[in-house]
Amino acid sequence: MAELLSVRLAPEWVTDCLWVLRADDPIRENYAPERLVADHGAPAELVAAIEAWDAEFQAVFVSDDPMSSGFPDETTTLAWRSRGEALAARLAALLGVRVEFRVAGYDRVFTP
């Protein structure tokens, strides 16, 4: 397995929320959180937290009208974003690589 260069925690509708960049591939791979356990020894609790966080995002997707998708208010959105930032910081510390956090017009980078 090629060296892990960076991870992006960036949820998108109807796909996994992680995007992994490895030394041998110039394109990020969409990556399911549960692969972190097998590939990088991530604790199951952290993986479950990432999956739950992404599930909150996926739950507000409206397939019949994607433009109306989203959290009901700013307070809910900010709380969700804050939990995502904490998860990104934990990933950076655990994996020892740069973790980019990207959600709807907001970017932040965490380093080990």
N, C-alpha and C. Protein backbone atom coordinates (compact mmCIF):
# COMPACT_ATOMS: atom_id res chain seq x y z
N MET A 1 0.86 -1.18 0.00
CA MET A 1 0.00 0.00 0.00
C MET A 1 0.90 1.24 0.00
N ALA A 2 0.60 2.18 -0.86
CA ALA A 2 1.40 3.40 -0.98
C ALA A 2 1.25 4.29 0.25
N GLU A 3 2.24 5.13 0.44
CA GLU A 3 2.24 6.05 1.57
C GLU A 3 1.03 6.99 1.52
N LEU A 4 0.40 7.13 2.66
CA LEU A 4 -0.74 8.04 2.81
C LEU A 4 -0.20 9.47 2.91
N LEU A 5 -0.65 10.35 2.02
CA LEU A 5 -0.19 11.73 2.02
C LEU A 5 -1.14 12.67 2.76
N SER A 6 -2.44 12.51 2.50
CA SER A 6 -3.41 13.37 3.17
C SER A 6 -4.80 12.76 3.08
N VAL A 7 -5.68 13.29 3.92
CA VAL A 7 -7.07 12.87 3.94
C VAL A 7 -7.93 14.12 3.91
N ARG A 8 -9.02 14.04 3.19
CA ARG A 8 -9.99 15.14 3.18
C ARG A 8 -11.29 14.59 3.77
N LEU A 9 -11.79 15.27 4.79
CA LEU A 9 -13.10 14.96 5.35
C LEU A 9 -14.06 15.97 4.74
N ALA A 10 -14.82 15.50 3.75
CA ALA A 10 -15.68 16.40 2.98
C ALA A 10 -16.91 15.63 2.52
N PRO A 11 -17.99 15.75 3.24
CA PRO A 11 -19.18 15.00 2.86
C PRO A 11 -19.80 15.51 1.56
N GLU A 12 -20.29 14.57 0.80
CA GLU A 12 -21.03 14.87 -0.42
C GLU A 12 -22.24 13.97 -0.43
N TRP A 13 -23.28 14.40 -1.10
CA TRP A 13 -24.50 13.61 -1.13
C TRP A 13 -24.25 12.25 -1.77
N VAL A 14 -24.77 11.23 -1.15
CA VAL A 14 -24.83 9.86 -1.66
C VAL A 14 -23.45 9.28 -2.01
N THR A 15 -22.46 9.56 -1.19
CA THR A 15 -21.13 8.95 -1.33
C THR A 15 -20.43 9.00 0.03
N ASP A 16 -19.29 8.37 0.13
CA ASP A 16 -18.55 8.39 1.39
C ASP A 16 -17.93 9.77 1.63
N CYS A 17 -17.62 10.05 2.89
CA CYS A 17 -17.19 11.41 3.26
C CYS A 17 -15.68 11.60 3.30
N LEU A 18 -14.91 10.56 3.07
CA LEU A 18 -13.45 10.68 3.11
C LEU A 18 -12.88 10.59 1.70
N TRP A 19 -11.80 11.35 1.49
CA TRP A 19 -11.10 11.36 0.21
C TRP A 19 -9.61 11.24 0.55
N VAL A 20 -8.99 10.16 0.10
CA VAL A 20 -7.62 9.83 0.49
C VAL A 20 -6.67 10.06 -0.68
N LEU A 21 -5.54 10.68 -0.38
CA LEU A 21 -4.50 10.89 -1.39
C LEU A 21 -3.28 10.08 -0.97
N ARG A 22 -2.83 9.22 -1.88
CA ARG A 22 -1.65 8.38 -1.64
C ARG A 22 -0.54 8.80 -2.59
N ALA A 23 0.68 8.44 -2.23
CA ALA A 23 1.87 8.85 -3.00
C ALA A 23 1.85 8.35 -4.43
N ASP A 24 1.23 7.20 -4.70
CA ASP A 24 1.28 6.65 -6.05
C ASP A 24 0.08 7.01 -6.91
N ASP A 25 -0.78 7.92 -6.44
CA ASP A 25 -1.99 8.24 -7.19
C ASP A 25 -2.26 9.74 -7.13
N PRO A 26 -2.29 10.43 -8.26
CA PRO A 26 -2.52 11.88 -8.24
C PRO A 26 -3.98 12.26 -7.98
N ILE A 27 -4.88 11.28 -7.98
CA ILE A 27 -6.30 11.55 -7.78
C ILE A 27 -6.74 10.98 -6.44
N ARG A 28 -7.49 11.76 -5.69
CA ARG A 28 -8.00 11.29 -4.40
C ARG A 28 -9.00 10.16 -4.59
N GLU A 29 -8.93 9.19 -3.71
CA GLU A 29 -9.85 8.05 -3.72
C GLU A 29 -10.96 8.28 -2.70
N ASN A 30 -12.20 8.10 -3.13
CA ASN A 30 -13.31 8.16 -2.19
C ASN A 30 -13.18 6.96 -1.26
N TYR A 31 -13.33 7.18 0.03
CA TYR A 31 -12.90 6.20 1.02
C TYR A 31 -13.96 6.08 2.11
N ALA A 32 -14.44 4.90 2.34
CA ALA A 32 -15.43 4.66 3.40
C ALA A 32 -14.75 4.71 4.77
N PRO A 33 -15.38 5.32 5.75
CA PRO A 33 -14.76 5.41 7.07
C PRO A 33 -14.34 4.06 7.66
N GLU A 34 -15.13 3.00 7.44
CA GLU A 34 -14.78 1.71 8.05
C GLU A 34 -13.45 1.16 7.51
N ARG A 35 -13.00 1.64 6.37
CA ARG A 35 -11.69 1.20 5.85
C ARG A 35 -10.54 1.72 6.71
N LEU A 36 -10.79 2.75 7.51
CA LEU A 36 -9.75 3.28 8.39
C LEU A 36 -9.31 2.25 9.41
N VAL A 37 -10.21 1.38 9.83
CA VAL A 37 -9.87 0.35 10.81
C VAL A 37 -8.88 -0.64 10.20
N ALA A 38 -9.24 -1.21 9.06
CA ALA A 38 -8.39 -2.21 8.42
C ALA A 38 -7.09 -1.63 7.89
N ASP A 39 -7.18 -0.48 7.25
CA ASP A 39 -6.01 0.08 6.58
C ASP A 39 -5.07 0.87 7.49
N HIS A 40 -5.62 1.45 8.56
CA HIS A 40 -4.80 2.35 9.39
C HIS A 40 -4.96 2.15 10.89
N GLY A 41 -5.67 1.12 11.30
CA GLY A 41 -5.81 0.81 12.72
C GLY A 41 -6.60 1.83 13.51
N ALA A 42 -7.49 2.54 12.86
CA ALA A 42 -8.30 3.55 13.56
C ALA A 42 -9.22 2.86 14.56
N PRO A 43 -9.44 3.47 15.71
CA PRO A 43 -10.36 2.89 16.68
C PRO A 43 -11.79 2.87 16.15
N ALA A 44 -12.50 1.79 16.44
CA ALA A 44 -13.88 1.64 15.97
C ALA A 44 -14.75 2.79 16.43
N GLU A 45 -14.49 3.33 17.60
CA GLU A 45 -15.29 4.44 18.14
C GLU A 45 -15.15 5.69 17.25
N LEU A 46 -13.94 5.97 16.77
CA LEU A 46 -13.73 7.12 15.90
C LEU A 46 -14.44 6.90 14.56
N VAL A 47 -14.31 5.70 14.03
CA VAL A 47 -14.97 5.38 12.77
C VAL A 47 -16.49 5.53 12.91
N ALA A 48 -17.04 5.02 14.00
CA ALA A 48 -18.48 5.13 14.24
C ALA A 48 -18.91 6.59 14.35
N ALA A 49 -18.08 7.42 14.98
CA ALA A 49 -18.40 8.84 15.11
C ALA A 49 -18.40 9.54 13.75
N ILE A 50 -17.44 9.19 12.89
CA ILE A 50 -17.39 9.77 11.54
C ILE A 50 -18.60 9.32 10.74
N GLU A 51 -18.93 8.04 10.84
CA GLU A 51 -20.10 7.53 10.11
C GLU A 51 -21.39 8.19 10.59
N ALA A 52 -21.53 8.39 11.89
CA ALA A 52 -22.73 9.04 12.43
C ALA A 52 -22.81 10.49 11.97
N TRP A 53 -21.67 11.17 11.97
CA TRP A 53 -21.62 12.57 11.53
C TRP A 53 -22.03 12.66 10.06
N ASP A 54 -21.50 11.77 9.22
CA ASP A 54 -21.86 11.78 7.81
C ASP A 54 -23.33 11.38 7.62
N ALA A 55 -23.82 10.48 8.43
CA ALA A 55 -25.23 10.05 8.32
C ALA A 55 -26.17 11.23 8.58
N GLU A 56 -25.79 12.13 9.48
CA GLU A 56 -26.60 13.33 9.72
C GLU A 56 -26.71 14.16 8.43
N PHE A 57 -25.61 14.28 7.74
CA PHE A 57 -25.58 15.03 6.48
C PHE A 57 -26.43 14.33 5.42
N GLN A 58 -26.24 13.03 5.28
CA GLN A 58 -26.99 12.27 4.27
C GLN A 58 -28.49 12.30 4.55
N ALA A 59 -28.87 12.38 5.82
CA ALA A 59 -30.29 12.35 6.19
C ALA A 59 -31.05 13.60 5.74
N VAL A 60 -30.35 14.70 5.48
CA VAL A 60 -31.04 15.92 5.08
C VAL A 60 -31.05 16.11 3.56
N PHE A 61 -30.60 15.09 2.84
CA PHE A 61 -30.63 15.14 1.37
C PHE A 61 -32.05 14.88 0.88
N VAL A 62 -32.52 15.73 0.00
CA VAL A 62 -33.85 15.59 -0.59
C VAL A 62 -33.64 15.23 -2.06
N SER A 63 -33.77 13.95 -2.39
CA SER A 63 -33.45 13.50 -3.76
C SER A 63 -34.37 14.11 -4.81
N ASP A 64 -35.62 14.39 -4.46
CA ASP A 64 -36.56 14.98 -5.42
C ASP A 64 -36.27 16.46 -5.69
N ASP A 65 -35.58 17.10 -4.73
CA ASP A 65 -35.28 18.53 -4.86
C ASP A 65 -33.95 18.82 -4.14
N PRO A 66 -32.82 18.41 -4.73
CA PRO A 66 -31.53 18.57 -4.07
C PRO A 66 -31.23 19.99 -3.59
N MET A 67 -31.72 21.00 -4.31
CA MET A 67 -31.45 22.38 -3.90
C MET A 67 -32.08 22.73 -2.56
N SER A 68 -33.08 21.99 -2.13
CA SER A 68 -33.71 22.25 -0.84
C SER A 68 -33.07 21.44 0.29
N SER A 69 -32.06 20.65 -0.04
CA SER A 69 -31.38 19.83 0.97
C SER A 69 -30.59 20.71 1.93
N GLY A 70 -30.45 20.25 3.14
CA GLY A 70 -29.64 20.96 4.12
C GLY A 70 -30.24 20.92 5.49
N PHE A 71 -29.47 21.38 6.44
CA PHE A 71 -29.92 21.41 7.83
C PHE A 71 -30.98 22.50 8.00
N PRO A 72 -31.84 22.36 9.00
CA PRO A 72 -32.97 23.27 9.12
C PRO A 72 -32.63 24.70 9.54
N ASP A 73 -31.47 24.88 10.21
CA ASP A 73 -31.13 26.22 10.68
C ASP A 73 -29.62 26.34 10.90
N GLU A 74 -29.19 27.56 11.13
CA GLU A 74 -27.76 27.82 11.29
C GLU A 74 -27.19 27.18 12.54
N THR A 75 -27.95 27.16 13.61
CA THR A 75 -27.48 26.55 14.86
C THR A 75 -27.15 25.08 14.66
N THR A 76 -28.04 24.36 14.00
CA THR A 76 -27.83 22.94 13.72
C THR A 76 -26.63 22.75 12.79
N THR A 77 -26.53 23.59 11.78
CA THR A 77 -25.42 23.51 10.84
C THR A 77 -24.08 23.74 11.54
N LEU A 78 -24.01 24.75 12.38
CA LEU A 78 -22.76 25.06 13.07
C LEU A 78 -22.37 23.98 14.07
N ALA A 79 -23.34 23.39 14.75
CA ALA A 79 -23.05 22.30 15.69
C ALA A 79 -22.50 21.08 14.93
N TRP A 80 -23.12 20.78 13.79
CA TRP A 80 -22.65 19.66 12.96
C TRP A 80 -21.24 19.94 12.45
N ARG A 81 -21.01 21.15 11.98
CA ARG A 81 -19.68 21.51 11.48
C ARG A 81 -18.63 21.42 12.59
N SER A 82 -18.97 21.85 13.78
CA SER A 82 -18.05 21.79 14.91
C SER A 82 -17.66 20.34 15.24
N ARG A 83 -18.64 19.44 15.21
CA ARG A 83 -18.34 18.02 15.44
C ARG A 83 -17.42 17.49 14.34
N GLY A 84 -17.63 17.91 13.12
CA GLY A 84 -16.77 17.49 12.01
C GLY A 84 -15.34 17.98 12.18
N GLU A 85 -15.19 19.20 12.63
CA GLU A 85 -13.84 19.73 12.87
C GLU A 85 -13.11 18.92 13.93
N ALA A 86 -13.81 18.56 14.99
CA ALA A 86 -13.20 17.75 16.05
C ALA A 86 -12.77 16.38 15.50
N LEU A 87 -13.60 15.81 14.64
CA LEU A 87 -13.25 14.52 14.03
C LEU A 87 -12.03 14.66 13.12
N ALA A 88 -11.97 15.73 12.36
CA ALA A 88 -10.82 15.97 11.48
C ALA A 88 -9.54 16.13 12.29
N ALA A 89 -9.61 16.82 13.39
CA ALA A 89 -8.44 17.00 14.26
C ALA A 89 -7.98 15.64 14.81
N ARG A 90 -8.93 14.82 15.22
CA ARG A 90 -8.58 13.48 15.73
C ARG A 90 -7.95 12.63 14.64
N LEU A 91 -8.47 12.71 13.42
CA LEU A 91 -7.90 11.95 12.30
C LEU A 91 -6.45 12.38 12.04
N ALA A 92 -6.19 13.66 12.03
CA ALA A 92 -4.83 14.15 11.79
C ALA A 92 -3.87 13.62 12.84
N ALA A 93 -4.28 13.65 14.10
CA ALA A 93 -3.43 13.15 15.18
C ALA A 93 -3.22 11.64 15.06
N LEU A 94 -4.25 10.91 14.73
CA LEU A 94 -4.18 9.46 14.64
C LEU A 94 -3.34 9.00 13.45
N LEU A 95 -3.61 9.58 12.28
CA LEU A 95 -2.95 9.13 11.05
C LEU A 95 -1.58 9.77 10.84
N GLY A 96 -1.33 10.89 11.50
CA GLY A 96 -0.05 11.58 11.34
C GLY A 96 0.12 12.25 10.00
N VAL A 97 -1.01 12.63 9.38
CA VAL A 97 -0.97 13.33 8.09
C VAL A 97 -1.90 14.53 8.12
N ARG A 98 -1.74 15.37 7.14
CA ARG A 98 -2.60 16.54 6.96
C ARG A 98 -4.03 16.05 6.69
N VAL A 99 -5.00 16.66 7.38
CA VAL A 99 -6.41 16.37 7.15
C VAL A 99 -7.10 17.68 6.81
N GLU A 100 -7.68 17.71 5.62
CA GLU A 100 -8.44 18.88 5.18
C GLU A 100 -9.90 18.65 5.56
N PHE A 101 -10.52 19.69 6.07
CA PHE A 101 -11.93 19.63 6.43
C PHE A 101 -12.66 20.62 5.54
N ARG A 102 -13.61 20.12 4.74
CA ARG A 102 -14.32 20.99 3.80
C ARG A 102 -15.82 20.72 3.86
N VAL A 103 -16.55 21.76 4.17
CA VAL A 103 -18.02 21.69 4.14
C VAL A 103 -18.55 23.03 3.63
N ALA A 104 -19.44 22.98 2.68
CA ALA A 104 -20.18 24.13 2.14
C ALA A 104 -19.56 25.49 2.43
N GLY A 105 -18.54 25.84 1.71
CA GLY A 105 -17.95 27.16 1.82
C GLY A 105 -17.05 27.36 3.03
N TYR A 106 -16.67 26.30 3.70
CA TYR A 106 -15.82 26.40 4.88
C TYR A 106 -14.71 25.36 4.77
N ASP A 107 -13.46 25.82 4.87
CA ASP A 107 -12.30 24.93 4.80
C ASP A 107 -11.40 25.18 6.00
N ARG A 108 -10.83 24.09 6.49
CA ARG A 108 -9.85 24.19 7.56
C ARG A 108 -8.89 23.01 7.41
N VAL A 109 -7.63 23.21 7.78
CA VAL A 109 -6.62 22.16 7.68
C VAL A 109 -6.10 21.84 9.07
N PHE A 110 -5.98 20.54 9.33
CA PHE A 110 -5.43 20.07 10.60
C PHE A 110 -4.17 19.29 10.30
N THR A 111 -3.13 19.52 11.07
CA THR A 111 -1.87 18.80 10.89
C THR A 111 -1.53 18.09 12.19
N PRO A 112 -0.77 16.99 12.05
CA PRO A 112 -0.42 16.22 13.25
C PRO A 112 0.50 17.00 14.17
